[in-house]
């Protein structure tokens, strides 16, 4: 097996882990949506969103990785808000 094949196997394994974690996150998001609906709380909370974004950006000192994480998490947040409705 080539070095590239080995690295791709690592990516495949990580992708499965990421997908499982996102699915678990989405289940919690649905519960949050139910609580917000019951309590009359709006789905969007810009302050909370920025806390999440800053939290993931702080995971690395690499500016390019920070930007990549932010883009990914903004997409995750948008998907999550759609699941909350």
N, C-alpha and C. Protein backbone atom coordinates (compact mmCIF):
# COMPACT_ATOMS: atom_id res chain seq x y z
N UNK A 1 0.85 -1.17 0.00
CA UNK A 1 0.00 0.00 0.00
C UNK A 1 0.90 1.24 0.00
N UNK A 2 0.56 2.20 -0.83
CA UNK A 2 1.37 3.40 -0.95
C UNK A 2 1.13 4.34 0.24
N UNK A 3 2.02 5.28 0.41
CA UNK A 3 1.86 6.27 1.47
C UNK A 3 0.56 7.04 1.31
N UNK A 4 0.23 7.36 0.05
CA UNK A 4 -1.02 8.07 -0.22
C UNK A 4 -2.22 7.23 0.19
N UNK A 5 -2.20 5.93 -0.11
CA UNK A 5 -3.30 5.05 0.29
C UNK A 5 -3.46 5.00 1.80
N UNK A 6 -2.35 4.95 2.51
CA UNK A 6 -2.38 4.92 3.97
C UNK A 6 -3.00 6.22 4.51
N UNK A 7 -2.57 7.33 3.96
CA UNK A 7 -3.11 8.62 4.39
C UNK A 7 -4.60 8.73 4.07
N UNK A 8 -5.00 8.23 2.93
CA UNK A 8 -6.43 8.26 2.57
C UNK A 8 -7.25 7.38 3.50
N UNK A 9 -6.68 6.27 3.94
CA UNK A 9 -7.38 5.42 4.92
C UNK A 9 -7.57 6.20 6.22
N UNK A 10 -6.56 6.97 6.60
CA UNK A 10 -6.68 7.81 7.80
C UNK A 10 -7.81 8.82 7.63
N UNK A 11 -7.87 9.45 6.46
CA UNK A 11 -8.93 10.42 6.17
C UNK A 11 -10.30 9.73 6.24
N UNK A 12 -10.42 8.55 5.64
CA UNK A 12 -11.70 7.82 5.67
C UNK A 12 -12.13 7.53 7.10
N UNK A 13 -11.18 7.12 7.94
CA UNK A 13 -11.50 6.82 9.34
C UNK A 13 -11.94 8.09 10.06
N UNK A 14 -11.21 9.17 9.84
CA UNK A 14 -11.57 10.44 10.47
C UNK A 14 -12.92 10.95 9.98
N UNK A 15 -13.19 10.80 8.70
CA UNK A 15 -14.49 11.23 8.17
C UNK A 15 -15.64 10.49 8.84
N UNK A 16 -15.47 9.21 9.09
CA UNK A 16 -16.51 8.44 9.78
C UNK A 16 -16.70 8.97 11.20
N UNK A 17 -15.60 9.26 11.88
CA UNK A 17 -15.69 9.79 13.24
C UNK A 17 -16.37 11.16 13.24
N UNK A 18 -15.99 12.00 12.30
CA UNK A 18 -16.59 13.34 12.20
C UNK A 18 -18.08 13.21 11.94
N UNK A 19 -18.47 12.35 11.01
CA UNK A 19 -19.90 12.17 10.69
C UNK A 19 -20.66 11.68 11.92
N UNK A 20 -20.10 10.72 12.65
CA UNK A 20 -20.76 10.23 13.86
C UNK A 20 -20.92 11.34 14.90
N UNK A 21 -19.89 12.15 15.06
CA UNK A 21 -19.97 13.25 16.01
C UNK A 21 -20.98 14.31 15.56
N UNK A 22 -21.02 14.59 14.28
CA UNK A 22 -22.01 15.55 13.78
C UNK A 22 -23.43 15.02 13.97
N UNK A 23 -23.63 13.75 13.72
CA UNK A 23 -24.96 13.17 13.94
C UNK A 23 -25.37 13.25 15.41
N UNK A 24 -24.42 13.01 16.31
CA UNK A 24 -24.71 13.15 17.74
C UNK A 24 -25.03 14.61 18.07
N UNK A 25 -24.28 15.54 17.48
CA UNK A 25 -24.54 16.96 17.70
C UNK A 25 -25.93 17.33 17.21
N UNK A 26 -26.30 16.81 16.05
CA UNK A 26 -27.61 17.12 15.49
C UNK A 26 -28.75 16.59 16.38
N UNK A 27 -28.55 15.47 17.03
CA UNK A 27 -29.58 14.97 17.95
C UNK A 27 -29.76 15.94 19.12
N UNK A 28 -28.68 16.46 19.65
CA UNK A 28 -28.76 17.44 20.74
C UNK A 28 -29.41 18.72 20.22
N UNK A 29 -29.06 19.11 19.01
CA UNK A 29 -29.65 20.31 18.39
C UNK A 29 -31.17 20.18 18.31
N UNK A 30 -31.65 19.01 17.94
CA UNK A 30 -33.11 18.80 17.86
C UNK A 30 -33.75 18.98 19.23
N UNK A 31 -33.09 18.49 20.27
CA UNK A 31 -33.60 18.66 21.62
C UNK A 31 -33.61 20.14 22.00
N UNK A 32 -32.55 20.84 21.65
CA UNK A 32 -32.49 22.29 21.92
C UNK A 32 -33.61 23.00 21.19
N UNK A 33 -33.86 22.59 19.94
CA UNK A 33 -34.95 23.19 19.17
C UNK A 33 -36.29 23.01 19.85
N UNK A 34 -36.52 21.84 20.41
CA UNK A 34 -37.78 21.57 21.10
C UNK A 34 -37.92 22.47 22.33
N UNK A 35 -36.83 22.63 23.08
CA UNK A 35 -36.86 23.50 24.27
C UNK A 35 -37.11 24.95 23.85
N UNK A 36 -36.41 25.39 22.83
CA UNK A 36 -36.59 26.77 22.36
C UNK A 36 -38.03 27.00 21.90
N UNK A 37 -38.58 26.04 21.18
CA UNK A 37 -39.95 26.18 20.68
C UNK A 37 -40.92 26.24 21.86
N UNK A 38 -40.74 25.34 22.81
CA UNK A 38 -41.61 25.28 23.98
C UNK A 38 -41.55 26.58 24.77
N UNK A 39 -40.34 27.15 24.90
CA UNK A 39 -40.14 28.33 25.72
C UNK A 39 -40.22 29.64 24.94
N UNK A 40 -40.51 29.55 23.63
CA UNK A 40 -40.65 30.76 22.82
C UNK A 40 -39.33 31.50 22.60
N UNK A 41 -38.24 30.75 22.53
CA UNK A 41 -36.92 31.34 22.32
C UNK A 41 -36.59 31.27 20.83
N UNK A 42 -36.07 32.36 20.25
CA UNK A 42 -35.72 32.32 18.82
C UNK A 42 -34.63 31.28 18.53
N UNK A 43 -34.67 30.73 17.34
CA UNK A 43 -33.68 29.76 16.92
C UNK A 43 -32.30 30.40 16.86
N UNK A 44 -32.20 31.58 16.27
CA UNK A 44 -30.91 32.23 16.08
C UNK A 44 -30.49 32.99 17.33
N UNK A 45 -29.23 32.75 17.73
CA UNK A 45 -28.61 33.46 18.85
C UNK A 45 -27.20 33.82 18.40
N UNK A 46 -27.09 35.01 17.81
CA UNK A 46 -25.80 35.43 17.22
C UNK A 46 -24.67 35.41 18.23
N UNK A 47 -24.95 35.78 19.46
CA UNK A 47 -23.91 35.77 20.49
C UNK A 47 -23.38 34.37 20.74
N UNK A 48 -24.27 33.42 20.85
CA UNK A 48 -23.86 32.03 21.06
C UNK A 48 -23.08 31.51 19.85
N UNK A 49 -23.53 31.86 18.66
CA UNK A 49 -22.84 31.43 17.45
C UNK A 49 -21.39 31.93 17.44
N UNK A 50 -21.18 33.17 17.82
CA UNK A 50 -19.83 33.72 17.83
C UNK A 50 -18.96 33.06 18.90
N UNK A 51 -19.57 32.69 20.03
CA UNK A 51 -18.82 31.96 21.06
C UNK A 51 -18.34 30.62 20.51
N UNK A 52 -19.22 29.92 19.79
CA UNK A 52 -18.84 28.64 19.20
C UNK A 52 -17.72 28.85 18.17
N UNK A 53 -17.88 29.84 17.31
CA UNK A 53 -16.86 30.11 16.27
C UNK A 53 -15.52 30.44 16.91
N UNK A 54 -15.52 31.32 17.90
CA UNK A 54 -14.25 31.67 18.54
C UNK A 54 -13.65 30.47 19.26
N UNK A 55 -14.50 29.61 19.81
CA UNK A 55 -14.00 28.41 20.47
C UNK A 55 -13.28 27.48 19.52
N UNK A 56 -13.84 27.27 18.33
CA UNK A 56 -13.16 26.38 17.38
C UNK A 56 -11.93 27.04 16.78
N UNK A 57 -12.00 28.35 16.57
CA UNK A 57 -10.82 29.05 16.04
C UNK A 57 -9.65 28.98 17.01
N UNK A 58 -9.95 28.92 18.29
CA UNK A 58 -8.88 28.90 19.29
C UNK A 58 -8.18 27.53 19.39
N UNK A 59 -8.66 26.55 18.67
CA UNK A 59 -8.09 25.20 18.73
C UNK A 59 -6.75 25.08 18.03
N UNK A 60 -6.40 26.08 17.22
CA UNK A 60 -5.14 26.01 16.46
C UNK A 60 -4.51 27.39 16.33
N UNK A 61 -3.18 27.44 16.29
CA UNK A 61 -2.52 28.72 16.04
C UNK A 61 -2.39 29.04 14.54
N UNK A 62 -2.66 28.07 13.69
CA UNK A 62 -2.50 28.22 12.24
C UNK A 62 -3.63 29.08 11.66
N UNK A 63 -3.31 30.27 11.14
CA UNK A 63 -4.36 31.17 10.62
C UNK A 63 -5.21 30.52 9.51
N UNK A 64 -4.59 29.76 8.63
CA UNK A 64 -5.36 29.12 7.55
C UNK A 64 -6.31 28.08 8.12
N UNK A 65 -5.85 27.33 9.12
CA UNK A 65 -6.71 26.33 9.75
C UNK A 65 -7.84 27.01 10.52
N UNK A 66 -7.55 28.14 11.16
CA UNK A 66 -8.59 28.90 11.87
C UNK A 66 -9.71 29.26 10.89
N UNK A 67 -9.31 29.80 9.73
CA UNK A 67 -10.30 30.20 8.73
C UNK A 67 -11.09 29.01 8.20
N UNK A 68 -10.40 27.90 7.99
CA UNK A 68 -11.08 26.69 7.51
C UNK A 68 -12.08 26.20 8.55
N UNK A 69 -11.67 26.17 9.82
CA UNK A 69 -12.59 25.74 10.88
C UNK A 69 -13.80 26.66 10.96
N UNK A 70 -13.56 27.94 10.83
CA UNK A 70 -14.68 28.88 10.89
C UNK A 70 -15.68 28.61 9.75
N UNK A 71 -15.17 28.42 8.55
CA UNK A 71 -16.07 28.15 7.42
C UNK A 71 -16.88 26.87 7.66
N UNK A 72 -16.21 25.84 8.13
CA UNK A 72 -16.89 24.56 8.40
C UNK A 72 -17.95 24.75 9.48
N UNK A 73 -17.58 25.42 10.56
CA UNK A 73 -18.53 25.58 11.66
C UNK A 73 -19.67 26.51 11.33
N UNK A 74 -19.45 27.49 10.49
CA UNK A 74 -20.58 28.32 10.06
C UNK A 74 -21.59 27.46 9.29
N UNK A 75 -21.08 26.52 8.49
CA UNK A 75 -21.98 25.60 7.78
C UNK A 75 -22.69 24.66 8.76
N UNK A 76 -21.97 24.18 9.76
CA UNK A 76 -22.57 23.30 10.78
C UNK A 76 -23.66 24.06 11.54
N UNK A 77 -23.39 25.30 11.89
CA UNK A 77 -24.37 26.11 12.61
C UNK A 77 -25.61 26.33 11.76
N UNK A 78 -25.44 26.63 10.48
CA UNK A 78 -26.60 26.83 9.60
C UNK A 78 -27.42 25.55 9.49
N UNK A 79 -26.74 24.41 9.32
CA UNK A 79 -27.45 23.14 9.25
C UNK A 79 -28.18 22.87 10.56
N UNK A 80 -27.53 23.20 11.66
CA UNK A 80 -28.13 22.98 12.98
C UNK A 80 -29.38 23.83 13.15
N UNK A 81 -29.31 25.09 12.74
CA UNK A 81 -30.49 25.96 12.87
C UNK A 81 -31.66 25.41 12.06
N UNK A 82 -31.38 24.85 10.90
CA UNK A 82 -32.45 24.25 10.09
C UNK A 82 -33.07 23.05 10.80
N UNK A 83 -32.27 22.30 11.54
CA UNK A 83 -32.78 21.15 12.28
C UNK A 83 -33.57 21.58 13.53
N UNK A 84 -33.29 22.75 14.06
CA UNK A 84 -33.99 23.24 15.24
C UNK A 84 -35.41 23.66 14.92
N UNK A 85 -35.69 24.01 13.69
CA UNK A 85 -37.01 24.54 13.32
C UNK A 85 -38.07 23.48 13.31
